[in-house]
Amino acid sequence: MGTFYTDEQIQEAVAALEDHTPGIFERMKKLASVNDPFSDEQEAELGAVVRVLTIVLPKVSYVVQAEDKNEARARLSIDLGDVVRAALASDEDDSQ
């Protein structure tokens, strides 16, 4: 499913995020479903998610081992965004 990383690697990243902050994947899906502009509460939630991503993604094993850690983290962020959007679309399909 990932553009840059395998499904297993993406699942490792999601598991690391969930280990750090249980429920974060659902929070990411909720934020992805919100149209701009964000409310103050949504802005705070987005800030919290970004902080968790900033803390956790650099510690994922294949990011740690990457030659260019910033590029690896950026690519992982792209893949995670794709996974969140795919999960959101799947949830919408299931509800119809």
Protein backbone atom coordinates (compact mmCIF):
# COMPACT_ATOMS: atom_id res chain seq x y z
CA MET A 1 0.00 0.00 0.00
CA GLY A 2 2.85 2.38 0.72
CA THR A 3 4.55 4.46 -1.93
CA PHE A 4 7.92 4.29 -0.21
CA TYR A 5 7.62 1.60 2.45
CA THR A 6 6.14 -1.88 2.66
CA ASP A 7 2.88 -2.61 4.43
CA GLU A 8 4.86 -4.27 7.22
CA GLN A 9 7.03 -1.19 7.71
CA ILE A 10 3.99 1.07 7.77
CA GLN A 11 2.31 -1.22 10.31
CA GLU A 12 5.48 -1.02 12.43
CA ALA A 13 5.19 2.78 12.37
CA VAL A 14 1.48 2.69 13.23
CA ALA A 15 2.19 0.28 16.09
CA ALA A 16 4.95 2.59 17.39
CA LEU A 17 2.55 5.54 17.26
CA GLU A 18 -0.17 3.56 19.05
CA ASP A 19 2.32 2.34 21.68
CA HIS A 20 3.31 5.93 22.39
CA THR A 21 -0.20 7.39 22.23
CA PRO A 22 -3.05 4.86 22.19
CA GLY A 23 -5.85 5.89 19.83
CA ILE A 24 -3.73 8.24 17.75
CA PHE A 25 -4.57 6.53 14.46
CA GLU A 26 -8.29 7.16 15.04
CA ARG A 27 -7.50 10.75 16.00
CA MET A 28 -5.55 11.13 12.75
CA LYS A 29 -8.51 9.77 10.77
CA LYS A 30 -10.86 12.15 12.56
CA LEU A 31 -8.66 15.13 11.74
CA ALA A 32 -8.31 14.01 8.11
CA SER A 33 -12.09 14.03 7.76
CA VAL A 34 -12.45 17.65 8.93
CA ASN A 35 -12.80 20.42 6.38
CA ASP A 36 -10.88 23.63 6.94
CA PRO A 37 -11.02 25.84 8.87
CA PHE A 38 -10.23 23.94 12.04
CA SER A 39 -11.83 24.95 15.30
CA ASP A 40 -9.59 25.84 18.24
CA GLU A 41 -10.12 22.33 19.62
CA GLN A 42 -9.16 20.74 16.30
CA GLU A 43 -6.09 22.97 16.04
CA ALA A 44 -4.97 21.78 19.48
CA GLU A 45 -5.61 18.16 18.48
CA LEU A 46 -3.61 18.62 15.29
CA GLY A 47 -0.74 20.08 17.29
CA ALA A 48 -0.80 17.07 19.61
CA VAL A 49 -0.71 14.64 16.67
CA VAL A 50 2.18 16.51 15.05
CA ARG A 51 4.12 16.38 18.33
CA VAL A 52 3.64 12.61 18.55
CA LEU A 53 4.74 12.17 14.93
CA THR A 54 7.80 14.33 15.62
CA ILE A 55 8.72 12.21 18.64
CA VAL A 56 7.94 8.73 17.32
CA LEU A 57 8.81 8.64 13.61
CA PRO A 58 12.54 9.35 14.07
CA LYS A 59 12.70 6.31 16.38
CA VAL A 60 11.18 3.80 13.92
CA SER A 61 13.88 1.23 13.12
CA TYR A 62 14.17 1.81 9.37
CA VAL A 63 14.21 5.60 9.83
CA VAL A 64 17.02 5.24 12.39
CA GLN A 65 18.97 3.10 9.90
CA ALA A 66 18.36 5.37 6.91
CA GLU A 67 21.24 7.27 5.38
CA ASP A 68 19.07 10.41 5.13
CA LYS A 69 16.87 10.35 8.22
CA ASN A 70 14.94 13.50 7.28
CA GLU A 71 14.02 12.07 3.90
CA ALA A 72 13.07 8.73 5.46
CA ARG A 73 10.83 10.46 7.99
CA ALA A 74 9.24 12.63 5.29
CA ARG A 75 8.54 9.59 3.12
CA LEU A 76 7.08 7.74 6.07
CA SER A 77 4.84 10.73 6.80
CA ILE A 78 3.57 10.62 3.21
CA ASP A 79 2.86 6.90 3.46
CA LEU A 80 1.10 7.32 6.81
CA GLY A 81 -1.06 10.06 5.32
CA ASP A 82 -2.00 7.73 2.48
CA VAL A 83 -2.88 4.98 4.98
CA VAL A 84 -5.03 7.37 7.03
CA ARG A 85 -6.90 8.53 3.92
CA ALA A 86 -7.37 4.93 2.72
CA ALA A 87 -8.74 3.89 6.12
CA LEU A 88 -11.08 6.87 6.10
CA ALA A 89 -12.33 5.97 2.61
CA SER A 90 -12.80 2.36 3.69
CA ASP A 91 -14.82 3.47 6.71
CA GLU A 92 -17.01 5.61 4.45
CA ASP A 93 -17.53 2.68 2.05
CA ASP A 94 -18.49 0.42 4.96
CA SER A 95 -21.06 2.90 6.22
CA GLN A 96 -22.91 3.09 2.89
